[in-house]
PDB file of N, CA and C in Angstrom:
ATOM      1  N   MET A   1     -26.380 116.521 -66.295  1.00  0.00           N
ATOM      2  CA  MET A   1     -25.374 115.700 -65.590  1.00  0.00           C
ATOM      3  C   MET A   1     -24.511 116.595 -64.713  1.00  0.00           C
ATOM      4  N   ARG A   2     -24.271 116.216 -63.528  1.00  0.00           N
ATOM      5  CA  ARG A   2     -23.417 117.010 -62.715  1.00  0.00           C
ATOM      6  C   ARG A   2     -21.921 116.898 -63.135  1.00  0.00           C
ATOM      7  N   LEU A   3     -21.221 117.893 -62.694  1.00  0.00           N
ATOM      8  CA  LEU A   3     -19.805 118.029 -63.063  1.00  0.00           C
ATOM      9  C   LEU A   3     -19.033 116.763 -62.717  1.00  0.00           C
ATOM     10  N   THR A   4     -19.206 116.308 -61.515  1.00  0.00           N
ATOM     11  CA  THR A   4     -18.447 115.099 -61.025  1.00  0.00           C
ATOM     12  C   THR A   4     -18.844 113.861 -61.884  1.00  0.00           C
ATOM     13  N   GLU A   5     -20.041 113.707 -62.224  1.00  0.00           N
ATOM     14  CA  GLU A   5     -20.521 112.561 -63.083  1.00  0.00           C
ATOM     15  C   GLU A   5     -19.882 112.649 -64.450  1.00  0.00           C
ATOM     16  N   SER A   6     -19.861 113.850 -65.002  1.00  0.00           N
ATOM     17  CA  SER A   6     -19.298 114.077 -66.303  1.00  0.00           C
ATOM     18  C   SER A   6     -17.799 113.791 -66.320  1.00  0.00           C
ATOM     19  N   ILE A   7     -17.122 114.172 -65.241  1.00  0.00           N
ATOM     20  CA  ILE A   7     -15.630 113.944 -65.161  1.00  0.00           C
ATOM     21  C   ILE A   7     -15.396 112.415 -65.102  1.00  0.00           C
ATOM     22  N   VAL A   8     -16.156 111.725 -64.250  1.00  0.00           N
ATOM     23  CA  VAL A   8     -15.961 110.238 -64.166  1.00  0.00           C
ATOM     24  C   VAL A   8     -16.257 109.579 -65.485  1.00  0.00           C
ATOM     25  N   SER A   9     -17.291 109.961 -66.177  1.00  0.00           N
ATOM     26  CA  SER A   9     -17.615 109.377 -67.463  1.00  0.00           C
ATOM     27  C   SER A   9     -16.497 109.625 -68.454  1.00  0.00           C
ATOM     28  N   ALA A  10     -16.001 110.815 -68.567  1.00  0.00           N
ATOM     29  CA  ALA A  10     -14.977 111.149 -69.473  1.00  0.00           C
ATOM     30  C   ALA A  10     -13.645 110.366 -69.133  1.00  0.00           C
ATOM     31  N   GLU A  11     -13.327 110.318 -67.809  1.00  0.00           N
ATOM     32  CA  GLU A  11     -12.101 109.632 -67.410  1.00  0.00           C
ATOM     33  C   GLU A  11     -12.184 108.154 -67.817  1.00  0.00           C
ATOM     34  N   ARG A  12     -13.317 107.503 -67.708  1.00  0.00           N
ATOM     35  CA  ARG A  12     -13.485 106.151 -68.076  1.00  0.00           C
ATOM     36  C   ARG A  12     -13.010 105.901 -69.495  1.00  0.00           C
ATOM     37  N   ILE A  13     -13.429 106.767 -70.424  1.00  0.00           N
ATOM     38  CA  ILE A  13     -13.114 106.643 -71.858  1.00  0.00           C
ATOM     39  C   ILE A  13     -11.595 106.942 -72.067  1.00  0.00           C
ATOM     40  N   VAL A  14     -11.213 108.130 -71.525  1.00  0.00           N
ATOM     41  CA  VAL A  14      -9.828 108.594 -71.812  1.00  0.00           C
ATOM     42  C   VAL A  14      -8.786 107.660 -71.151  1.00  0.00           C
ATOM     43  N   ASP A  15      -9.091 107.132 -70.017  1.00  0.00           N
ATOM     44  CA  ASP A  15      -8.153 106.181 -69.316  1.00  0.00           C
ATOM     45  C   ASP A  15      -8.004 104.892 -70.118  1.00  0.00           C
ATOM     46  N   SER A  16      -8.966 104.561 -70.939  1.00  0.00           N
ATOM     47  CA  SER A  16      -8.890 103.366 -71.737  1.00  0.00           C
ATOM     48  C   SER A  16      -8.033 103.532 -72.982  1.00  0.00           C
ATOM     49  N   LEU A  17      -7.645 104.774 -73.311  1.00  0.00           N
ATOM     50  CA  LEU A  17      -6.814 105.032 -74.465  1.00  0.00           C
ATOM     51  C   LEU A  17      -5.346 104.800 -74.240  1.00  0.00           C
ATOM     52  N   ARG A  18      -5.008 103.540 -74.327  1.00  0.00           N
ATOM     53  CA  ARG A  18      -3.615 103.164 -74.108  1.00  0.00           C
ATOM     54  C   ARG A  18      -3.092 102.550 -75.352  1.00  0.00           C
ATOM     55  N   PRO A  19      -1.978 103.072 -75.943  1.00  0.00           N
ATOM     56  CA  PRO A  19      -1.430 102.383 -77.110  1.00  0.00           C
ATOM     57  C   PRO A  19      -0.878 101.007 -76.726  1.00  0.00           C
ATOM     58  N   GLU A  20      -1.086 100.077 -77.669  1.00  0.00           N
ATOM     59  CA  GLU A  20      -0.600  98.689 -77.400  1.00  0.00           C
ATOM     60  C   GLU A  20       0.879  98.599 -77.639  1.00  0.00           C
ATOM     61  N   LYS A  21       1.458  99.504 -78.385  1.00  0.00           N
ATOM     62  CA  LYS A  21       2.900  99.502 -78.593  1.00  0.00           C
ATOM     63  C   LYS A  21       3.364 100.960 -78.751  1.00  0.00           C
ATOM     64  N   SER A  22       4.598 101.239 -78.464  1.00  0.00           N
ATOM     65  CA  SER A  22       5.093 102.609 -78.560  1.00  0.00           C
ATOM     66  C   SER A  22       5.039 103.075 -80.020  1.00  0.00           C
ATOM     67  N   GLY A  23       4.734 104.303 -80.234  1.00  0.00           N
ATOM     68  CA  GLY A  23       4.665 104.867 -81.548  1.00  0.00           C
ATOM     69  C   GLY A  23       3.352 104.574 -82.297  1.00  0.00           C
ATOM     70  N   GLN A  24       2.417 103.912 -81.643  1.00  0.00           N
ATOM     71  CA  GLN A  24       1.138 103.622 -82.280  1.00  0.00           C
ATOM     72  C   GLN A  24       0.428 104.900 -82.595  1.00  0.00           C
ATOM     73  N   GLY A  25      -0.062 105.051 -83.816  1.00  0.00           N
ATOM     74  CA  GLY A  25      -0.699 106.253 -84.228  1.00  0.00           C
ATOM     75  C   GLY A  25      -2.156 106.385 -83.841  1.00  0.00           C
ATOM     76  N   ARG A  26      -2.828 105.222 -83.743  1.00  0.00           N
ATOM     77  CA  ARG A  26      -4.265 105.278 -83.373  1.00  0.00           C
ATOM     78  C   ARG A  26      -4.504 104.448 -82.162  1.00  0.00           C
ATOM     79  N   VAL A  27      -5.386 104.898 -81.319  1.00  0.00           N
ATOM     80  CA  VAL A  27      -5.717 104.236 -80.074  1.00  0.00           C
ATOM     81  C   VAL A  27      -7.223 104.007 -79.985  1.00  0.00           C
ATOM     82  N   PHE A  28      -7.626 102.941 -79.395  1.00  0.00           N
ATOM     83  CA  PHE A  28      -9.023 102.574 -79.351  1.00  0.00           C
ATOM     84  C   PHE A  28      -9.567 102.666 -77.934  1.00  0.00           C
ATOM     85  N   ALA A  29     -10.761 103.215 -77.753  1.00  0.00           N
ATOM     86  CA  ALA A  29     -11.400 103.373 -76.462  1.00  0.00           C
ATOM     87  C   ALA A  29     -12.265 102.145 -76.148  1.00  0.00           C
ATOM     88  N   VAL A  30     -12.711 102.032 -74.890  1.00  0.00           N
ATOM     89  CA  VAL A  30     -13.513 100.952 -74.537  1.00  0.00           C
ATOM     90  C   VAL A  30     -14.903 100.920 -75.216  1.00  0.00           C
ATOM     91  N   ASP A  31     -15.304 102.084 -75.738  1.00  0.00           N
ATOM     92  CA  ASP A  31     -16.662 102.135 -76.455  1.00  0.00           C
ATOM     93  C   ASP A  31     -16.412 101.895 -77.918  1.00  0.00           C
ATOM     94  N   GLY A  32     -15.154 101.590 -78.371  1.00  0.00           N
ATOM     95  CA  GLY A  32     -14.957 101.339 -79.775  1.00  0.00           C
ATOM     96  C   GLY A  32     -14.527 102.491 -80.613  1.00  0.00           C
ATOM     97  N   SER A  33     -14.602 103.706 -80.044  1.00  0.00           N
ATOM     98  CA  SER A  33     -14.146 104.906 -80.803  1.00  0.00           C
ATOM     99  C   SER A  33     -12.656 104.883 -80.982  1.00  0.00           C
ATOM    100  N   VAL A  34     -12.201 105.601 -82.011  1.00  0.00           N
ATOM    101  CA  VAL A  34     -10.744 105.634 -82.379  1.00  0.00           C
ATOM    102  C   VAL A  34     -10.293 107.061 -82.297  1.00  0.00           C
ATOM    103  N   TYR A  35      -9.057 107.265 -81.743  1.00  0.00           N
ATOM    104  CA  TYR A  35      -8.459 108.578 -81.605  1.00  0.00           C
ATOM    105  C   TYR A  35      -6.998 108.438 -82.035  1.00  0.00           C
ATOM    106  N   THR A  36      -6.400 109.568 -82.389  1.00  0.00           N
ATOM    107  CA  THR A  36      -4.947 109.614 -82.585  1.00  0.00           C
ATOM    108  C   THR A  36      -4.270 109.654 -81.269  1.00  0.00           C
ATOM    109  N   ALA A  37      -3.053 109.293 -81.246  1.00  0.00           N
ATOM    110  CA  ALA A  37      -2.224 109.327 -79.990  1.00  0.00           C
ATOM    111  C   ALA A  37      -2.228 110.789 -79.504  1.00  0.00           C
ATOM    112  N   GLY A  38      -2.199 111.709 -80.375  1.00  0.00           N
ATOM    113  CA  GLY A  38      -2.134 113.143 -79.948  1.00  0.00           C
ATOM    114  C   GLY A  38      -3.378 113.569 -79.324  1.00  0.00           C
ATOM    115  N   GLN A  39      -4.547 113.117 -79.877  1.00  0.00           N
ATOM    116  CA  GLN A  39      -5.855 113.460 -79.209  1.00  0.00           C
ATOM    117  C   GLN A  39      -5.959 112.867 -77.863  1.00  0.00           C
ATOM    118  N   ALA A  40      -5.481 111.633 -77.772  1.00  0.00           N
ATOM    119  CA  ALA A  40      -5.527 110.925 -76.441  1.00  0.00           C
ATOM    120  C   ALA A  40      -4.690 111.742 -75.413  1.00  0.00           C
ATOM    121  N   ALA A  41      -3.500 112.149 -75.850  1.00  0.00           N
ATOM    122  CA  ALA A  41      -2.612 112.947 -74.910  1.00  0.00           C
ATOM    123  C   ALA A  41      -3.280 114.249 -74.581  1.00  0.00           C
ATOM    124  N   TRP A  42      -3.884 114.926 -75.493  1.00  0.00           N
ATOM    125  CA  TRP A  42      -4.513 116.234 -75.265  1.00  0.00           C
ATOM    126  C   TRP A  42      -5.707 116.003 -74.249  1.00  0.00           C
ATOM    127  N   MET A  43      -6.470 114.936 -74.453  1.00  0.00           N
ATOM    128  CA  MET A  43      -7.606 114.759 -73.505  1.00  0.00           C
ATOM    129  C   MET A  43      -7.084 114.429 -72.064  1.00  0.00           C
ATOM    130  N   ARG A  44      -5.972 113.677 -72.010  1.00  0.00           N
ATOM    131  CA  ARG A  44      -5.435 113.410 -70.630  1.00  0.00           C
ATOM    132  C   ARG A  44      -4.993 114.671 -70.034  1.00  0.00           C
ATOM    133  N   ALA A  45      -4.311 115.565 -70.794  1.00  0.00           N
ATOM    134  CA  ALA A  45      -3.862 116.863 -70.296  1.00  0.00           C
ATOM    135  C   ALA A  45      -5.032 117.689 -69.798  1.00  0.00           C
ATOM    136  N   GLN A  46      -6.130 117.712 -70.628  1.00  0.00           N
ATOM    137  CA  GLN A  46      -7.281 118.529 -70.279  1.00  0.00           C
ATOM    138  C   GLN A  46      -7.904 118.025 -69.004  1.00  0.00           C
ATOM    139  N   LEU A  47      -7.996 116.705 -68.864  1.00  0.00           N
ATOM    140  CA  LEU A  47      -8.573 116.162 -67.614  1.00  0.00           C
ATOM    141  C   LEU A  47      -7.690 116.467 -66.401  1.00  0.00           C
ATOM    142  N   SER A  48      -6.439 116.567 -66.632  1.00  0.00           N
ATOM    143  CA  SER A  48      -5.523 116.943 -65.492  1.00  0.00           C
ATOM    144  C   SER A  48      -5.848 118.427 -65.112  1.00  0.00           C
ATOM    145  N   LEU A  49      -6.091 119.288 -66.090  1.00  0.00           N
ATOM    146  CA  LEU A  49      -6.482 120.649 -65.797  1.00  0.00           C
ATOM    147  C   LEU A  49      -7.797 120.715 -65.113  1.00  0.00           C
ATOM    148  N   VAL A  50      -8.704 119.824 -65.497  1.00  0.00           N
ATOM    149  CA  VAL A  50     -10.070 119.773 -64.844  1.00  0.00           C
ATOM    150  C   VAL A  50      -9.869 119.466 -63.382  1.00  0.00           C
ATOM    151  N   LEU A  51      -9.101 118.464 -63.078  1.00  0.00           N
ATOM    152  CA  LEU A  51      -8.893 118.034 -61.717  1.00  0.00           C
ATOM    153  C   LEU A  51      -8.175 119.111 -60.913  1.00  0.00           C
ATOM    154  N   ARG A  52      -7.196 119.749 -61.461  1.00  0.00           N
ATOM    155  CA  ARG A  52      -6.558 120.879 -60.791  1.00  0.00           C
ATOM    156  C   ARG A  52      -7.531 122.013 -60.488  1.00  0.00           C
ATOM    157  N   SER A  53      -8.345 122.322 -61.471  1.00  0.00           N
ATOM    158  CA  SER A  53      -9.311 123.380 -61.288  1.00  0.00           C
ATOM    159  C   SER A  53     -10.316 123.045 -60.142  1.00  0.00           C
ATOM    160  N   CYS A  54     -10.766 121.753 -60.108  1.00  0.00           N
ATOM    161  CA  CYS A  54     -11.620 121.302 -59.049  1.00  0.00           C
ATOM    162  C   CYS A  54     -10.940 121.445 -57.688  1.00  0.00           C
ATOM    163  N   THR A  55      -9.692 121.085 -57.627  1.00  0.00           N
ATOM    164  CA  THR A  55      -8.934 121.146 -56.349  1.00  0.00           C
ATOM    165  C   THR A  55      -8.866 122.610 -55.863  1.00  0.00           C
ATOM    166  N   ARG A  56      -8.743 123.526 -56.774  1.00  0.00           N
ATOM    167  CA  ARG A  56      -8.766 124.955 -56.423  1.00  0.00           C
ATOM    168  C   ARG A  56     -10.143 125.512 -56.146  1.00  0.00           C
ATOM    169  N   GLY A  57     -11.151 124.736 -56.428  1.00  0.00           N
ATOM    170  CA  GLY A  57     -12.538 125.179 -56.223  1.00  0.00           C
ATOM    171  C   GLY A  57     -13.080 125.995 -57.359  1.00  0.00           C
ATOM    172  N   ASP A  58     -12.382 125.942 -58.554  1.00  0.00           N
ATOM    173  CA  ASP A  58     -12.825 126.723 -59.712  1.00  0.00           C
ATOM    174  C   ASP A  58     -13.647 125.827 -60.644  1.00  0.00           C
ATOM    175  N   GLU A  59     -14.919 125.678 -60.319  1.00  0.00           N
ATOM    176  CA  GLU A  59     -15.779 124.822 -61.139  1.00  0.00           C
ATOM    177  C   GLU A  59     -15.997 125.352 -62.528  1.00  0.00           C
ATOM    178  N   SER A  60     -15.965 126.645 -62.694  1.00  0.00           N
ATOM    179  CA  SER A  60     -16.162 127.276 -63.983  1.00  0.00           C
ATOM    180  C   SER A  60     -15.060 126.861 -64.926  1.00  0.00           C
ATOM    181  N   ALA A  61     -13.806 126.943 -64.500  1.00  0.00           N
ATOM    182  CA  ALA A  61     -12.637 126.554 -65.300  1.00  0.00           C
ATOM    183  C   ALA A  61     -12.725 125.056 -65.567  1.00  0.00           C
ATOM    184  N   ALA A  62     -13.016 124.282 -64.538  1.00  0.00           N
ATOM    185  CA  ALA A  62     -13.102 122.814 -64.740  1.00  0.00           C
ATOM    186  C   ALA A  62     -14.176 122.493 -65.755  1.00  0.00           C
ATOM    187  N   ALA A  63     -15.261 123.164 -65.731  1.00  0.00           N
ATOM    188  CA  ALA A  63     -16.319 122.839 -66.713  1.00  0.00           C
ATOM    189  C   ALA A  63     -15.913 123.265 -68.126  1.00  0.00           C
ATOM    190  N   THR A  64     -15.132 124.304 -68.267  1.00  0.00           N
ATOM    191  CA  THR A  64     -14.701 124.752 -69.545  1.00  0.00           C
ATOM    192  C   THR A  64     -13.676 123.729 -70.130  1.00  0.00           C
ATOM    193  N   TYR A  65     -12.722 123.304 -69.328  1.00  0.00           N
ATOM    194  CA  TYR A  65     -11.760 122.265 -69.811  1.00  0.00           C
ATOM    195  C   TYR A  65     -12.483 121.007 -70.176  1.00  0.00           C
ATOM    196  N   LEU A  66     -13.380 120.572 -69.300  1.00  0.00           N
ATOM    197  CA  LEU A  66     -14.136 119.325 -69.511  1.00  0.00           C
ATOM    198  C   LEU A  66     -14.943 119.386 -70.808  1.00  0.00           C
ATOM    199  N   GLN A  67     -15.541 120.516 -71.087  1.00  0.00           N
ATOM    200  CA  GLN A  67     -16.372 120.663 -72.294  1.00  0.00           C
ATOM    201  C   GLN A  67     -15.609 120.294 -73.565  1.00  0.00           C
ATOM    202  N   GLY A  68     -14.359 120.712 -73.652  1.00  0.00           N
ATOM    203  CA  GLY A  68     -13.515 120.369 -74.825  1.00  0.00           C
ATOM    204  C   GLY A  68     -13.406 118.896 -74.969  1.00  0.00           C
ATOM    205  N   VAL A  69     -13.157 118.177 -73.827  1.00  0.00           N
ATOM    206  CA  VAL A  69     -12.999 116.718 -73.836  1.00  0.00           C
ATOM    207  C   VAL A  69     -14.263 116.095 -74.270  1.00  0.00           C
ATOM    208  N   LEU A  70     -15.371 116.501 -73.638  1.00  0.00           N
ATOM    209  CA  LEU A  70     -16.708 115.950 -73.949  1.00  0.00           C
ATOM    210  C   LEU A  70     -17.064 116.141 -75.413  1.00  0.00           C
ATOM    211  N   ASP A  71     -16.768 117.318 -75.959  1.00  0.00           N
ATOM    212  CA  ASP A  71     -17.000 117.613 -77.378  1.00  0.00           C
ATOM    213  C   ASP A  71     -16.219 116.634 -78.259  1.00  0.00           C
ATOM    214  N   MET A  72     -14.978 116.356 -77.953  1.00  0.00           N
ATOM    215  CA  MET A  72     -14.208 115.405 -78.759  1.00  0.00           C
ATOM    216  C   MET A  72     -14.759 114.019 -78.619  1.00  0.00           C
ATOM    217  N   LEU A  73     -15.075 113.586 -77.415  1.00  0.00           N
ATOM    218  CA  LEU A  73     -15.640 112.278 -77.227  1.00  0.00           C
ATOM    219  C   LEU A  73     -16.967 112.098 -77.985  1.00  0.00           C
ATOM    220  N   ARG A  74     -17.807 113.076 -77.920  1.00  0.00           N
ATOM    221  CA  ARG A  74     -19.075 113.070 -78.731  1.00  0.00           C
ATOM    222  C   ARG A  74     -18.834 112.959 -80.172  1.00  0.00           C
ATOM    223  N   ALA A  75     -17.926 113.741 -80.693  1.00  0.00           N
ATOM    224  CA  ALA A  75     -17.621 113.762 -82.115  1.00  0.00           C
ATOM    225  C   ALA A  75     -17.132 112.389 -82.643  1.00  0.00           C
ATOM    226  N   HIS A  76     -16.309 111.773 -81.792  1.00  0.00           N
ATOM    227  CA  HIS A  76     -15.772 110.454 -82.203  1.00  0.00           C
ATOM    228  C   HIS A  76     -16.776 109.351 -81.998  1.00  0.00           C
ATOM    229  N   HIS A  77     -17.578 109.464 -80.990  1.00  0.00           N
ATOM    230  CA  HIS A  77     -18.596 108.430 -80.735  1.00  0.00           C
ATOM    231  C   HIS A  77     -19.668 108.398 -81.775  1.00  0.00           C
ATOM    232  N   SER A  78     -20.134 109.572 -82.185  1.00  0.00           N
ATOM    233  CA  SER A  78     -21.194 109.661 -83.165  1.00  0.00           C
ATOM    234  C   SER A  78     -20.708 109.335 -84.529  1.00  0.00           C
ATOM    235  N   GLY A  79     -19.357 109.455 -84.738  1.00  0.00           N
ATOM    236  CA  GLY A  79     -18.824 109.135 -86.095  1.00  0.00           C
ATOM    237  C   GLY A  79     -18.450 107.670 -86.230  1.00  0.00           C
ATOM    238  N   SER A  80     -18.633 106.914 -85.194  1.00  0.00           N
ATOM    239  CA  SER A  80     -18.295 105.441 -85.287  1.00  0.00           C
ATOM    240  C   SER A  80     -19.503 104.600 -85.677  1.00  0.00           C
TER     241      SER A  80
END
């Protein structure tokens, strides 16, 4: 899968992680996987770093940041 396709796929899941109320400890993704609010915030921050790296033309750094997000998404998806 190309870098851009991987980013779009990860963003779709991470963007769906919105707590229904403030202070909510667990958030649910569109695919049914469950994350802590901290994990959701970390993945959003990592995706921000991915996009910044892409803007700078540093695909290697972008791929490294993205891999952490993809690993977490896979771990939670396979566990559900």
